[in-house]
Protein backbone atom coordinates (compact mmCIF):
# COMPACT_ATOMS: atom_id res chain seq x y z
CA MET A 1 106.51 97.37 78.71
CA ASN A 2 110.16 97.87 78.50
CA GLN A 3 111.36 98.93 82.06
CA VAL A 4 113.99 100.48 84.18
CA GLU A 5 115.11 99.68 86.77
CA VAL A 6 116.49 101.53 89.74
CA LYS A 7 117.85 101.02 92.94
CA LEU A 8 117.15 103.22 95.87
CA GLU A 9 119.28 102.93 99.20
CA VAL A 10 117.00 105.09 102.15
CA PRO A 11 118.27 105.07 105.45
CA ASP A 12 116.11 103.19 108.60
CA PHE A 13 114.69 105.40 109.85
CA LEU A 14 112.89 106.63 107.12
CA VAL A 15 110.95 102.90 108.00
CA SER A 16 109.99 104.16 111.09
CA THR A 17 109.62 107.77 110.21
CA ILE A 18 106.43 106.88 107.96
CA ASP A 19 105.21 104.15 109.76
CA ILE A 20 105.43 101.77 107.17
CA SER A 21 106.86 97.87 107.17
CA LYS A 22 109.91 97.37 105.24
CA ASP A 23 108.19 95.37 102.86
CA LYS A 24 105.32 98.04 102.11
CA LEU A 25 107.93 100.24 101.25
CA GLU A 26 108.89 100.03 97.57
CA GLY A 27 104.54 100.61 96.88
CA TYR A 28 104.69 103.61 99.69
CA ILE A 29 107.67 104.94 96.75
CA ARG A 30 105.80 104.14 93.68
CA GLN A 31 102.60 105.08 94.82
CA THR A 32 104.42 108.55 96.33
CA LEU A 33 106.33 109.05 93.05
CA ALA A 34 102.76 108.78 90.67
CA VAL A 35 101.13 111.32 93.19
CA GLU A 36 103.78 113.79 92.66
CA LEU A 37 103.83 112.96 88.87
CA TYR A 38 100.39 113.46 88.30
CA ARG A 39 100.52 116.47 90.15
CA GLU A 40 103.17 118.29 88.23
CA GLY A 41 101.17 117.26 85.24
CA LYS A 42 104.07 114.76 84.05
CA LEU A 43 101.56 112.12 84.33
CA SER A 44 97.95 111.09 83.27
CA LEU A 45 95.60 109.89 85.27
CA GLY A 46 95.97 106.10 83.82
CA LYS A 47 99.54 106.51 83.95
CA ALA A 48 100.51 107.35 87.50
CA LYS A 49 97.25 104.42 88.05
CA GLU A 50 100.00 102.34 86.63
CA LEU A 51 102.81 103.04 88.26
CA ALA A 52 101.35 103.10 91.31
CA GLY A 53 100.52 99.14 90.66
CA LEU A 54 96.54 99.99 91.05
CA ALA A 55 94.10 97.70 89.72
CA ASN A 56 92.18 100.67 88.41
CA LYS A 57 91.61 104.59 87.47
CA TRP A 58 88.99 104.86 90.52
CA GLU A 59 91.58 103.69 92.77
CA MET A 60 94.18 106.22 91.83
CA ILE A 61 91.70 108.60 92.02
CA GLN A 62 91.23 107.35 95.88
CA LEU A 63 94.97 107.63 96.20
CA LEU A 64 95.12 111.15 94.75
CA ASN A 65 92.10 112.38 97.07
CA SER A 66 93.68 110.40 100.67
CA ARG A 67 96.89 112.22 99.55
CA GLY A 68 94.98 116.03 99.00
CA VAL A 69 95.35 116.35 95.15
CA SER A 70 92.81 117.42 93.26
CA LEU A 71 91.87 115.99 90.11
CA ASP A 72 92.50 117.01 86.96
CA TYR A 73 89.15 115.67 84.80
CA SER A 74 87.39 117.65 82.25
CA ALA A 75 83.95 117.24 80.80
CA GLU A 76 85.55 115.85 77.91
CA ASP A 77 87.39 113.04 80.01
CA ALA A 78 84.11 112.18 81.42
CA ALA A 79 82.45 111.89 78.53
CA ALA A 80 85.61 109.27 76.77
CA ASP A 81 85.10 107.35 79.90
CA LEU A 82 80.85 107.04 79.30
CA GLU A 83 81.86 106.06 76.10
CA THR A 84 84.30 103.70 76.58
CA LEU A 85 81.54 102.30 79.59
CA ASP A 86 78.97 102.32 76.68
CA LYS A 87 81.18 99.82 74.22
CA ILE A 88 81.79 97.22 77.31
CA LEU A 89 78.40 97.16 78.00
CA SER A 90 77.10 96.80 74.35
């Protein structure tokens, strides 16, 4: 997968304001960006999961829930997930 590297400088006070250690700041920013792009409808759940660096969709759903974002998950999405699960388990 091709990637674009972005350098972002943030003021020191940001780390204390959001109460996060500097070594976890990149992950926090990635997750925040993924949540906001999902909220805006610009990323699917799966793509948001990838951007956030999470292992699976269920972790992304938990992240969205923790940030107060409603899940855009239709009956068709559920049917497709069940079909995939059935193929995996067969």
